[in-house]
């Protein structure tokens, strides 16, 4: 099953939107969106601030932010 992920974020004082269609492959929507978000951040030399994450029309921004924080805490 594929999902459409749309991420709105700020980088270098510019508002940017990236989107793509991704297979879930035994992942939740939140995990797939977080992987996409990490890929976006690696592309930029500047800090990126997430504004909104939409997966198949559903706003899951808070869940992705929580997942990112929990994964960060696990790695410490």
C-alpha atoms as a PDB file:
ATOM      1  CA  UNK A   1       0.000   0.000   0.000  1.00  0.00           C
ATOM      2  CA  UNK A   2       1.315   3.446  -0.947  1.00  0.00           C
ATOM      3  CA  UNK A   3       0.660   6.692   0.902  1.00  0.00           C
ATOM      4  CA  UNK A   4       0.976  10.303  -0.265  1.00  0.00           C
ATOM      5  CA  UNK A   5       3.064  12.334   2.191  1.00  0.00           C
ATOM      6  CA  UNK A   6       3.101  16.139   2.111  1.00  0.00           C
ATOM      7  CA  UNK A   7       5.480  18.003   4.444  1.00  0.00           C
ATOM      8  CA  UNK A   8       5.445  21.773   4.936  1.00  0.00           C
ATOM      9  CA  UNK A   9       8.532  23.187   6.631  1.00  0.00           C
ATOM     10  CA  UNK A  10      10.709  26.289   7.033  1.00  0.00           C
ATOM     11  CA  UNK A  11      14.361  26.361   5.938  1.00  0.00           C
ATOM     12  CA  UNK A  12      16.510  29.500   5.774  1.00  0.00           C
ATOM     13  CA  UNK A  13      13.433  31.653   6.444  1.00  0.00           C
ATOM     14  CA  UNK A  14      11.684  30.158   3.394  1.00  0.00           C
ATOM     15  CA  UNK A  15       8.492  28.143   3.512  1.00  0.00           C
ATOM     16  CA  UNK A  16       8.847  24.939   1.535  1.00  0.00           C
ATOM     17  CA  UNK A  17       6.538  22.038   0.653  1.00  0.00           C
ATOM     18  CA  UNK A  18       7.757  18.592  -0.392  1.00  0.00           C
ATOM     19  CA  UNK A  19       5.592  15.640  -1.288  1.00  0.00           C
ATOM     20  CA  UNK A  20       6.007  12.110  -2.456  1.00  0.00           C
ATOM     21  CA  UNK A  21       4.307   8.738  -2.672  1.00  0.00           C
ATOM     22  CA  UNK A  22       5.861   6.011  -0.533  1.00  0.00           C
ATOM     23  CA  UNK A  23       5.176   2.325   0.119  1.00  0.00           C
ATOM     24  CA  UNK A  24       4.474   1.502   3.762  1.00  0.00           C
ATOM     25  CA  UNK A  25       6.352  -1.847   3.759  1.00  0.00           C
ATOM     26  CA  UNK A  26       5.387  -2.890   7.316  1.00  0.00           C
ATOM     27  CA  UNK A  27       5.643   0.699   8.615  1.00  0.00           C
ATOM     28  CA  UNK A  28       3.021   2.981  10.050  1.00  0.00           C
ATOM     29  CA  UNK A  29       2.133   6.224   8.298  1.00  0.00           C
ATOM     30  CA  UNK A  30       4.003   8.093  11.020  1.00  0.00           C
ATOM     31  CA  UNK A  31       7.181   6.042  10.543  1.00  0.00           C
ATOM     32  CA  UNK A  32       7.121   6.557   6.763  1.00  0.00           C
ATOM     33  CA  UNK A  33       6.572  10.313   7.209  1.00  0.00           C
ATOM     34  CA  UNK A  34       9.402  10.503   9.761  1.00  0.00           C
ATOM     35  CA  UNK A  35      11.785   8.745   7.355  1.00  0.00           C
ATOM     36  CA  UNK A  36      10.836  11.251   4.631  1.00  0.00           C
ATOM     37  CA  UNK A  37      11.327  14.149   7.087  1.00  0.00           C
ATOM     38  CA  UNK A  38      14.788  12.874   8.104  1.00  0.00           C
ATOM     39  CA  UNK A  39      15.732  12.574   4.416  1.00  0.00           C
ATOM     40  CA  UNK A  40      14.608  16.178   3.819  1.00  0.00           C
ATOM     41  CA  UNK A  41      16.663  17.429   6.784  1.00  0.00           C
ATOM     42  CA  UNK A  42      19.788  15.629   5.532  1.00  0.00           C
ATOM     43  CA  UNK A  43      19.435  17.458   2.190  1.00  0.00           C
ATOM     44  CA  UNK A  44      19.681  20.913   3.788  1.00  0.00           C
ATOM     45  CA  UNK A  45      22.776  22.520   5.271  1.00  0.00           C
ATOM     46  CA  UNK A  46      20.519  24.741   7.399  1.00  0.00           C
ATOM     47  CA  UNK A  47      18.097  23.904  10.181  1.00  0.00           C
ATOM     48  CA  UNK A  48      14.623  22.831   9.054  1.00  0.00           C
ATOM     49  CA  UNK A  49      11.533  23.397  11.163  1.00  0.00           C
ATOM     50  CA  UNK A  50       8.518  21.228  10.503  1.00  0.00           C
ATOM     51  CA  UNK A  51       5.173  23.007  10.123  1.00  0.00           C
ATOM     52  CA  UNK A  52       2.721  20.391   8.913  1.00  0.00           C
ATOM     53  CA  UNK A  53       2.712  16.733   7.904  1.00  0.00           C
ATOM     54  CA  UNK A  54      -0.228  15.410   5.892  1.00  0.00           C
ATOM     55  CA  UNK A  55      -0.580  11.759   4.915  1.00  0.00           C
ATOM     56  CA  UNK A  56      -3.437  10.845   2.576  1.00  0.00           C
ATOM     57  CA  UNK A  57      -5.304  14.015   3.598  1.00  0.00           C
ATOM     58  CA  UNK A  58      -4.878  13.454   7.372  1.00  0.00           C
ATOM     59  CA  UNK A  59      -2.822  15.912   9.454  1.00  0.00           C
ATOM     60  CA  UNK A  60      -0.430  13.800  11.555  1.00  0.00           C
ATOM     61  CA  UNK A  61       2.068  16.528  12.485  1.00  0.00           C
ATOM     62  CA  UNK A  62       1.849  15.992  16.243  1.00  0.00           C
ATOM     63  CA  UNK A  63       2.276  12.218  15.966  1.00  0.00           C
ATOM     64  CA  UNK A  64       5.360  12.577  13.757  1.00  0.00           C
ATOM     65  CA  UNK A  65       6.894  15.121  16.152  1.00  0.00           C
ATOM     66  CA  UNK A  66       6.235  12.801  19.109  1.00  0.00           C
ATOM     67  CA  UNK A  67       7.805   9.866  17.262  1.00  0.00           C
ATOM     68  CA  UNK A  68      10.854  11.973  16.383  1.00  0.00           C
ATOM     69  CA  UNK A  69      11.271  13.046  20.029  1.00  0.00           C
ATOM     70  CA  UNK A  70      10.909   9.477  21.319  1.00  0.00           C
ATOM     71  CA  UNK A  71      13.471   8.153  18.814  1.00  0.00           C
ATOM     72  CA  UNK A  72      15.850  10.966  19.767  1.00  0.00           C
ATOM     73  CA  UNK A  73      15.484  10.100  23.469  1.00  0.00           C
ATOM     74  CA  UNK A  74      16.136   6.409  22.731  1.00  0.00           C
ATOM     75  CA  UNK A  75      19.416   7.212  21.014  1.00  0.00           C
ATOM     76  CA  UNK A  76      20.737   9.221  23.991  1.00  0.00           C
END
